Amino acid sequence: MNDHGQPVLYAIVTGSPAARDIGKLVDPVRHQYKEPDAPDVLPPADAMVVAPITCNSLAKWAAGISGTLPLGLLVEAVGKRRPVVAMPFSNRAQINFPAIREAMTKLITWGVTVLVGDDVYEQHQSATGDDYIHLFPWDLAWQALLHHPWLDPSLSRSPSPKA
């Protein structure tokens, strides 16, 4: 909760082309670790949505590698049992690579909601991602978060964020 008693959602993105305009959706955008003695400009998260997330970041997250701020926050979120929803934006070949499938399965086993596959939204072919960015279903991540089993029920009554 923030200082006003409102829930705090972290919107986390990784290097996907669909993340280009995240600064239009949220403010502030923090992209680096802070110094240990520096005050934190952000209150602790009650929940997180990581969308879009790359396959590279999915694999590192599932391996516990936290060499970047987004990955560090995600690794800690699972350890703290915070509600997390992940939605990759990668081509069909990368999504279907066995190590990526294994990473997603691990994350699901650990309580992360992973939204992926043609039943969620159409996975694009290699080298066509720019043609699909406008179709990325941001709202599905928010809806999935509202139904996450670890979400405090009092938080699920909060209004949806404006995109």
C-alpha atoms as a PDB file:
ATOM      1  CA  MET A   1       0.000   0.000   0.000  1.00  0.00           C
ATOM      2  CA  ASN A   2       1.147   3.519  -0.646  1.00  0.00           C
ATOM      3  CA  ASP A   3       0.979   6.413   1.835  1.00  0.00           C
ATOM      4  CA  HIS A   4      -2.691   6.946   0.914  1.00  0.00           C
ATOM      5  CA  GLY A   5      -3.687   3.331   1.632  1.00  0.00           C
ATOM      6  CA  GLN A   6      -3.990   2.471  -2.055  1.00  0.00           C
ATOM      7  CA  PRO A   7      -2.588  -0.746  -3.539  1.00  0.00           C
ATOM      8  CA  VAL A   8       0.647  -0.524  -5.481  1.00  0.00           C
ATOM      9  CA  LEU A   9       1.043  -2.322  -8.797  1.00  0.00           C
ATOM     10  CA  TYR A  10       4.445  -2.553 -10.434  1.00  0.00           C
ATOM     11  CA  ALA A  11       4.255  -2.699 -14.220  1.00  0.00           C
ATOM     12  CA  ILE A  12       7.509  -4.332 -15.266  1.00  0.00           C
ATOM     13  CA  VAL A  13       8.755  -4.607 -18.826  1.00  0.00           C
ATOM     14  CA  THR A  14      11.835  -6.120 -20.391  1.00  0.00           C
ATOM     15  CA  GLY A  15      13.527  -5.522 -23.755  1.00  0.00           C
ATOM     16  CA  SER A  16      10.587  -6.427 -25.953  1.00  0.00           C
ATOM     17  CA  PRO A  17       9.630  -4.075 -28.799  1.00  0.00           C
ATOM     18  CA  ALA A  18       6.120  -3.942 -27.301  1.00  0.00           C
ATOM     19  CA  ALA A  19       7.613  -2.144 -24.271  1.00  0.00           C
ATOM     20  CA  ARG A  20       8.754   0.933 -26.203  1.00  0.00           C
ATOM     21  CA  ASP A  21       6.048   3.246 -24.899  1.00  0.00           C
ATOM     22  CA  ILE A  22       5.839   2.111 -21.265  1.00  0.00           C
ATOM     23  CA  GLY A  23       6.642   5.652 -20.123  1.00  0.00           C
ATOM     24  CA  LYS A  24       3.256   6.729 -21.500  1.00  0.00           C
ATOM     25  CA  LEU A  25       1.510   4.146 -19.316  1.00  0.00           C
ATOM     26  CA  VAL A  26       3.275   4.526 -15.971  1.00  0.00           C
ATOM     27  CA  ASP A  27       5.303   7.097 -14.083  1.00  0.00           C
ATOM     28  CA  PRO A  28       7.864   6.994 -12.616  1.00  0.00           C
ATOM     29  CA  VAL A  29       9.861   4.540 -14.697  1.00  0.00           C
ATOM     30  CA  ARG A  30      12.719   3.122 -12.657  1.00  0.00           C
ATOM     31  CA  HIS A  31      15.299   1.132 -14.545  1.00  0.00           C
ATOM     32  CA  GLN A  32      18.313   0.846 -12.260  1.00  0.00           C
ATOM     33  CA  TYR A  33      19.023  -0.409  -8.791  1.00  0.00           C
ATOM     34  CA  LYS A  34      19.240   2.333  -6.189  1.00  0.00           C
ATOM     35  CA  GLU A  35      22.132   2.749  -3.792  1.00  0.00           C
ATOM     36  CA  PRO A  36      21.525   0.815  -0.540  1.00  0.00           C
ATOM     37  CA  ASP A  37      21.359   3.979   1.577  1.00  0.00           C
ATOM     38  CA  ALA A  38      19.263   5.975  -0.937  1.00  0.00           C
ATOM     39  CA  PRO A  39      15.568   6.434  -0.195  1.00  0.00           C
ATOM     40  CA  ASP A  40      13.243   4.391  -2.361  1.00  0.00           C
ATOM     41  CA  VAL A  41      11.026   6.540  -4.598  1.00  0.00           C
ATOM     42  CA  LEU A  42       8.560   3.680  -4.996  1.00  0.00           C
ATOM     43  CA  PRO A  43       6.476   2.035  -2.261  1.00  0.00           C
ATOM     44  CA  PRO A  44       6.635  -1.768  -2.033  1.00  0.00           C
ATOM     45  CA  ALA A  45       4.493  -3.574  -4.587  1.00  0.00           C
ATOM     46  CA  ASP A  46       1.327  -5.402  -3.623  1.00  0.00           C
ATOM     47  CA  ALA A  47       1.338  -7.123  -7.020  1.00  0.00           C
ATOM     48  CA  MET A  48       3.246  -7.100 -10.317  1.00  0.00           C
ATOM     49  CA  VAL A  49       2.472  -7.431 -13.982  1.00  0.00           C
ATOM     50  CA  VAL A  50       5.430  -8.147 -16.229  1.00  0.00           C
ATOM     51  CA  ALA A  51       4.235  -7.517 -19.726  1.00  0.00           C
ATOM     52  CA  PRO A  52       5.751  -7.730 -22.142  1.00  0.00           C
ATOM     53  CA  ILE A  53       8.530 -10.015 -21.036  1.00  0.00           C
ATOM     54  CA  THR A  54      11.111 -11.492 -23.385  1.00  0.00           C
ATOM     55  CA  CYS A  55      11.961 -15.185 -23.528  1.00  0.00           C
ATOM     56  CA  ASN A  56      15.472 -14.282 -22.396  1.00  0.00           C
ATOM     57  CA  SER A  57      14.063 -12.696 -19.245  1.00  0.00           C
ATOM     58  CA  LEU A  58      11.679 -15.610 -18.641  1.00  0.00           C
ATOM     59  CA  ALA A  59      14.594 -18.055 -18.710  1.00  0.00           C
ATOM     60  CA  LYS A  60      16.752 -15.918 -16.416  1.00  0.00           C
ATOM     61  CA  TRP A  61      13.881 -15.370 -13.975  1.00  0.00           C
ATOM     62  CA  ALA A  62      13.150 -19.103 -13.778  1.00  0.00           C
ATOM     63  CA  ALA A  63      16.874 -19.690 -13.117  1.00  0.00           C
ATOM     64  CA  GLY A  64      16.872 -17.112 -10.295  1.00  0.00           C
ATOM     65  CA  ILE A  65      19.208 -14.748 -12.131  1.00  0.00           C
ATOM     66  CA  SER A  66      18.563 -11.210 -10.928  1.00  0.00           C
ATOM     67  CA  GLY A  67      21.227  -9.174 -12.690  1.00  0.00           C
ATOM     68  CA  THR A  68      18.823  -6.379 -13.635  1.00  0.00           C
ATOM     69  CA  LEU A  69      16.305  -4.406 -11.611  1.00  0.00           C
ATOM     70  CA  PRO A  70      13.268  -6.014 -13.297  1.00  0.00           C
ATOM     71  CA  LEU A  71      14.603  -9.527 -12.735  1.00  0.00           C
ATOM     72  CA  GLY A  72      15.595  -8.756  -9.149  1.00  0.00           C
ATOM     73  CA  LEU A  73      12.085  -7.494  -8.400  1.00  0.00           C
ATOM     74  CA  LEU A  74      10.511 -10.555 -10.025  1.00  0.00           C
ATOM     75  CA  VAL A  75      12.731 -13.060  -8.219  1.00  0.00           C
ATOM     76  CA  GLU A  76      11.911 -11.380  -4.894  1.00  0.00           C
ATOM     77  CA  ALA A  77       8.198 -11.233  -5.720  1.00  0.00           C
ATOM     78  CA  VAL A  78       8.022 -15.008  -6.122  1.00  0.00           C
ATOM     79  CA  GLY A  79       9.985 -15.475  -2.900  1.00  0.00           C
ATOM     80  CA  LYS A  80       7.586 -13.139  -1.070  1.00  0.00           C
ATOM     81  CA  ARG A  81       4.507 -14.809  -2.623  1.00  0.00           C
ATOM     82  CA  ARG A  82       3.368 -11.616  -4.293  1.00  0.00           C
ATOM     83  CA  PRO A  83       0.821 -11.981  -7.093  1.00  0.00           C
ATOM     84  CA  VAL A  84       2.644 -11.821 -10.440  1.00  0.00           C
ATOM     85  CA  VAL A  85       1.282 -12.087 -13.967  1.00  0.00           C
ATOM     86  CA  ALA A  86       3.701 -12.538 -16.865  1.00  0.00           C
ATOM     87  CA  MET A  87       2.831 -12.129 -20.536  1.00  0.00           C
ATOM     88  CA  PRO A  88       5.596 -12.725 -23.060  1.00  0.00           C
ATOM     89  CA  PHE A  89       5.826 -10.977 -26.394  1.00  0.00           C
ATOM     90  CA  SER A  90       8.041 -13.204 -28.495  1.00  0.00           C
ATOM     91  CA  ASN A  91       7.694 -15.108 -31.703  1.00  0.00           C
ATOM     92  CA  ARG A  92       6.210 -18.581 -31.892  1.00  0.00           C
ATOM     93  CA  ALA A  93       9.600 -20.292 -32.375  1.00  0.00           C
ATOM     94  CA  GLN A  94      11.071 -18.719 -29.235  1.00  0.00           C
ATOM     95  CA  ILE A  95       7.972 -19.419 -27.153  1.00  0.00           C
ATOM     96  CA  ASN A  96       8.104 -23.080 -28.238  1.00  0.00           C
ATOM     97  CA  PHE A  97      11.801 -23.576 -27.499  1.00  0.00           C
ATOM     98  CA  PRO A  98      12.042 -26.359 -24.886  1.00  0.00           C
ATOM     99  CA  ALA A  99      14.043 -24.354 -22.327  1.00  0.00           C
ATOM    100  CA  ILE A 100      11.525 -21.487 -22.530  1.00  0.00           C
ATOM    101  CA  ARG A 101       8.608 -23.899 -22.122  1.00  0.00           C
ATOM    102  CA  GLU A 102      10.392 -25.375 -19.105  1.00  0.00           C
ATOM    103  CA  ALA A 103      10.981 -21.901 -17.642  1.00  0.00           C
ATOM    104  CA  MET A 104       7.296 -21.007 -18.006  1.00  0.00           C
ATOM    105  CA  THR A 105       6.281 -24.302 -16.409  1.00  0.00           C
ATOM    106  CA  LYS A 106       8.575 -23.622 -13.431  1.00  0.00           C
ATOM    107  CA  LEU A 107       7.165 -20.126 -12.985  1.00  0.00           C
ATOM    108  CA  ILE A 108       3.595 -21.442 -13.111  1.00  0.00           C
ATOM    109  CA  THR A 109       4.483 -24.096 -10.530  1.00  0.00           C
ATOM    110  CA  TRP A 110       5.854 -21.338  -8.295  1.00  0.00           C
ATOM    111  CA  GLY A 111       2.583 -19.366  -8.446  1.00  0.00           C
ATOM    112  CA  VAL A 112       3.158 -17.009 -11.388  1.00  0.00           C
ATOM    113  CA  THR A 113       0.294 -16.640 -13.842  1.00  0.00           C
ATOM    114  CA  VAL A 114       1.828 -16.924 -17.318  1.00  0.00           C
ATOM    115  CA  LEU A 115      -0.376 -15.804 -20.194  1.00  0.00           C
ATOM    116  CA  VAL A 116       0.889 -17.239 -23.456  1.00  0.00           C
ATOM    117  CA  GLY A 117      -0.306 -19.173 -26.482  1.00  0.00           C
ATOM    118  CA  ASP A 118      -2.793 -18.711 -29.262  1.00  0.00           C
ATOM    119  CA  ASP A 119      -5.682 -19.189 -26.828  1.00  0.00           C
ATOM    120  CA  VAL A 120      -4.493 -15.978 -25.103  1.00  0.00           C
ATOM    121  CA  TYR A 121      -3.388 -14.045 -28.182  1.00  0.00           C
ATOM    122  CA  GLU A 122      -1.912 -15.030 -31.529  1.00  0.00           C
ATOM    123  CA  GLN A 123       1.813 -15.732 -31.363  1.00  0.00           C
ATOM    124  CA  HIS A 124       3.554 -14.120 -34.303  1.00  0.00           C
ATOM    125  CA  GLN A 125       6.113 -15.652 -36.635  1.00  0.00           C
ATOM    126  CA  SER A 126       9.812 -14.712 -36.585  1.00  0.00           C
ATOM    127  CA  ALA A 127      10.617 -11.210 -37.877  1.00  0.00           C
ATOM    128  CA  THR A 128       6.968 -10.060 -37.780  1.00  0.00           C
ATOM    129  CA  GLY A 129       6.733  -8.737 -34.214  1.00  0.00           C
ATOM    130  CA  ASP A 130       6.418  -5.065 -35.214  1.00  0.00           C
ATOM    131  CA  ASP A 131       3.209  -5.961 -37.065  1.00  0.00           C
ATOM    132  CA  TYR A 132       1.690  -7.351 -33.841  1.00  0.00           C
ATOM    133  CA  ILE A 133       2.715  -4.793 -31.212  1.00  0.00           C
ATOM    134  CA  HIS A 134      -0.584  -2.930 -31.475  1.00  0.00           C
ATOM    135  CA  LEU A 135      -2.438  -6.189 -30.748  1.00  0.00           C
ATOM    136  CA  PHE A 136      -0.648  -6.883 -27.464  1.00  0.00           C
ATOM    137  CA  PRO A 137      -3.501  -7.488 -24.975  1.00  0.00           C
ATOM    138  CA  TRP A 138      -2.414  -5.419 -21.962  1.00  0.00           C
ATOM    139  CA  ASP A 139      -5.893  -5.700 -20.455  1.00  0.00           C
ATOM    140  CA  LEU A 140      -5.629  -9.493 -20.185  1.00  0.00           C
ATOM    141  CA  ALA A 141      -2.707  -9.165 -17.795  1.00  0.00           C
ATOM    142  CA  TRP A 142      -4.700  -6.820 -15.568  1.00  0.00           C
ATOM    143  CA  GLN A 143      -7.729  -9.139 -15.595  1.00  0.00           C
ATOM    144  CA  ALA A 144      -5.548 -12.136 -14.752  1.00  0.00           C
ATOM    145  CA  LEU A 145      -4.015 -10.230 -11.852  1.00  0.00           C
ATOM    146  CA  LEU A 146      -7.456  -9.483 -10.419  1.00  0.00           C
ATOM    147  CA  HIS A 147      -8.058 -13.260 -10.278  1.00  0.00           C
ATOM    148  CA  HIS A 148      -4.625 -14.277  -9.005  1.00  0.00           C
ATOM    149  CA  PRO A 149      -4.963 -16.685  -6.056  1.00  0.00           C
ATOM    150  CA  TRP A 150      -2.394 -14.780  -3.982  1.00  0.00           C
ATOM    151  CA  LEU A 151      -4.082 -11.398  -4.410  1.00  0.00           C
ATOM    152  CA  ASP A 152      -5.452  -9.880  -1.237  1.00  0.00           C
ATOM    153  CA  PRO A 153      -9.249  -9.814  -1.856  1.00  0.00           C
ATOM    154  CA  SER A 154      -9.449  -6.166  -0.766  1.00  0.00           C
ATOM    155  CA  LEU A 155      -7.132  -5.233  -3.642  1.00  0.00           C
ATOM    156  CA  SER A 156      -9.243  -6.882  -6.352  1.00  0.00           C
ATOM    157  CA  ARG A 157     -11.927  -4.230  -5.929  1.00  0.00           C
ATOM    158  CA  SER A 158      -9.566  -1.512  -7.120  1.00  0.00           C
ATOM    159  CA  PRO A 159     -10.357   0.196 -10.410  1.00  0.00           C
ATOM    160  CA  SER A 160      -8.380  -0.867 -13.468  1.00  0.00           C
ATOM    161  CA  PRO A 161      -5.425   1.310 -14.476  1.00  0.00           C
ATOM    162  CA  LYS A 162      -5.908   3.670 -17.369  1.00  0.00           C
ATOM    163  CA  ALA A 163      -3.802   2.897 -20.408  1.00  0.00           C
END
